[in-house]
Amino acid sequence: MCCLLFILVLIGPRAAVIVWWLFDPSRFSFTFNTIFWPLMGILLLPWTTLMYLAIFPYGLTGFQFWGLIGLGVLIDIIAYSGGGWGNRRRFPGFKN
């Protein structure tokens, strides 16, 4: 788990999901029925996919489950929007 956190911090959630899949493929087969959803998750919502993989086998229900999934979605939105906000001055005519 320490190695997973190190990879997560240095490289990102996509690499962490791939490394987790290499070391524990049974969790992926338990969590997902097909390969389509994990691939789409890695490409589009990597933090949400990582959170889903972490909490699904424990059977959290209700507010706990959806609250943690919502946290993953929020981190994905922040990650995507942070680049646009940080580079807003590069666009000509943008008023701050």
Protein backbone atom coordinates (compact mmCIF):
# COMPACT_ATOMS: atom_id res chain seq x y z
CA MET A 1 0.00 0.00 0.00
CA CYS A 2 2.90 2.37 0.67
CA CYS A 3 4.22 1.81 -2.85
CA LEU A 4 0.76 2.58 -4.24
CA LEU A 5 0.64 5.88 -2.34
CA PHE A 6 4.12 6.81 -3.53
CA ILE A 7 3.17 6.16 -7.16
CA LEU A 8 -0.09 8.04 -6.65
CA VAL A 9 1.70 11.14 -5.41
CA LEU A 10 4.51 11.16 -7.95
CA ILE A 11 2.90 9.97 -11.16
CA GLY A 12 -0.83 10.24 -10.70
CA PRO A 13 -3.97 8.23 -10.24
CA ARG A 14 -3.82 6.56 -13.65
CA ALA A 15 -0.48 4.96 -12.87
CA ALA A 16 -1.71 3.97 -9.41
CA VAL A 17 -4.73 2.19 -10.90
CA ILE A 18 -2.55 0.36 -13.42
CA VAL A 19 -0.04 -0.71 -10.76
CA TRP A 20 -2.89 -1.83 -8.50
CA TRP A 21 -4.25 -3.89 -11.39
CA LEU A 22 -0.84 -5.52 -11.94
CA PHE A 23 -0.45 -6.46 -8.27
CA ASP A 24 -4.07 -7.35 -7.46
CA PRO A 25 -6.06 -8.32 -10.60
CA SER A 26 -8.59 -10.25 -8.51
CA ARG A 27 -9.91 -6.98 -7.06
CA PHE A 28 -10.62 -5.73 -10.58
CA SER A 29 -12.43 -8.92 -11.56
CA PHE A 30 -14.48 -8.69 -8.34
CA THR A 31 -15.31 -5.02 -8.78
CA PHE A 32 -15.91 -4.80 -12.54
CA ASN A 33 -17.63 -7.33 -14.81
CA THR A 34 -16.12 -6.06 -18.05
CA ILE A 35 -12.94 -4.28 -19.10
CA PHE A 36 -14.91 -1.34 -20.56
CA TRP A 37 -15.70 0.49 -17.30
CA PRO A 38 -12.23 0.38 -15.78
CA LEU A 39 -10.70 1.62 -19.04
CA MET A 40 -13.20 4.46 -19.31
CA GLY A 41 -12.60 5.26 -15.66
CA ILE A 42 -8.83 5.39 -16.10
CA LEU A 43 -9.17 7.66 -19.13
CA LEU A 44 -11.90 10.03 -17.92
CA LEU A 45 -12.27 9.85 -14.13
CA PRO A 46 -9.12 8.34 -12.63
CA TRP A 47 -9.63 9.57 -9.04
CA THR A 48 -13.20 8.28 -9.00
CA THR A 49 -12.07 4.91 -10.36
CA LEU A 50 -9.36 4.70 -7.71
CA MET A 51 -11.88 5.54 -4.97
CA TYR A 52 -14.37 3.01 -6.33
CA LEU A 53 -11.73 0.29 -6.36
CA ALA A 54 -10.75 1.10 -2.80
CA ILE A 55 -14.23 1.04 -1.27
CA PHE A 56 -16.33 -1.37 -3.37
CA PRO A 57 -15.13 -4.68 -1.87
CA TYR A 58 -15.93 -3.50 1.66
CA GLY A 59 -19.61 -3.18 0.86
CA LEU A 60 -20.18 0.36 2.07
CA THR A 61 -23.75 1.41 1.46
CA GLY A 62 -25.75 4.59 1.48
CA PHE A 63 -24.17 7.90 2.36
CA GLN A 64 -20.71 6.44 3.05
CA PHE A 65 -20.39 4.89 -0.39
CA TRP A 66 -21.83 7.77 -2.39
CA GLY A 67 -20.05 10.37 -0.27
CA LEU A 68 -16.67 8.82 -1.03
CA ILE A 69 -17.53 8.42 -4.72
CA GLY A 70 -18.62 12.07 -4.75
CA LEU A 71 -15.28 13.00 -3.23
CA GLY A 72 -13.52 11.20 -6.09
CA VAL A 73 -15.66 13.05 -8.65
CA LEU A 74 -14.92 16.36 -6.92
CA ILE A 75 -11.16 15.70 -7.04
CA ASP A 76 -11.46 14.83 -10.76
CA ILE A 77 -13.32 18.08 -11.45
CA ILE A 78 -10.73 20.07 -9.51
CA ALA A 79 -7.92 18.34 -11.40
CA TYR A 80 -9.47 19.13 -14.79
CA SER A 81 -10.45 22.71 -13.99
CA GLY A 82 -7.23 23.64 -12.20
CA GLY A 83 -5.23 23.75 -15.42
CA GLY A 84 -7.65 26.14 -17.07
CA TRP A 85 -7.77 28.42 -14.05
CA GLY A 86 -4.00 28.49 -13.70
CA ASN A 87 -3.46 29.31 -17.39
CA ARG A 88 -6.26 31.86 -17.77
CA ARG A 89 -3.86 34.74 -18.41
CA ARG A 90 -2.48 33.07 -21.53
CA PHE A 91 -5.68 33.77 -23.45
CA PRO A 92 -5.74 37.20 -25.10
CA GLY A 93 -8.63 39.37 -24.06
CA PHE A 94 -9.35 37.47 -20.86
CA LYS A 95 -10.19 39.90 -18.09
CA ASN A 96 -9.27 38.95 -14.56
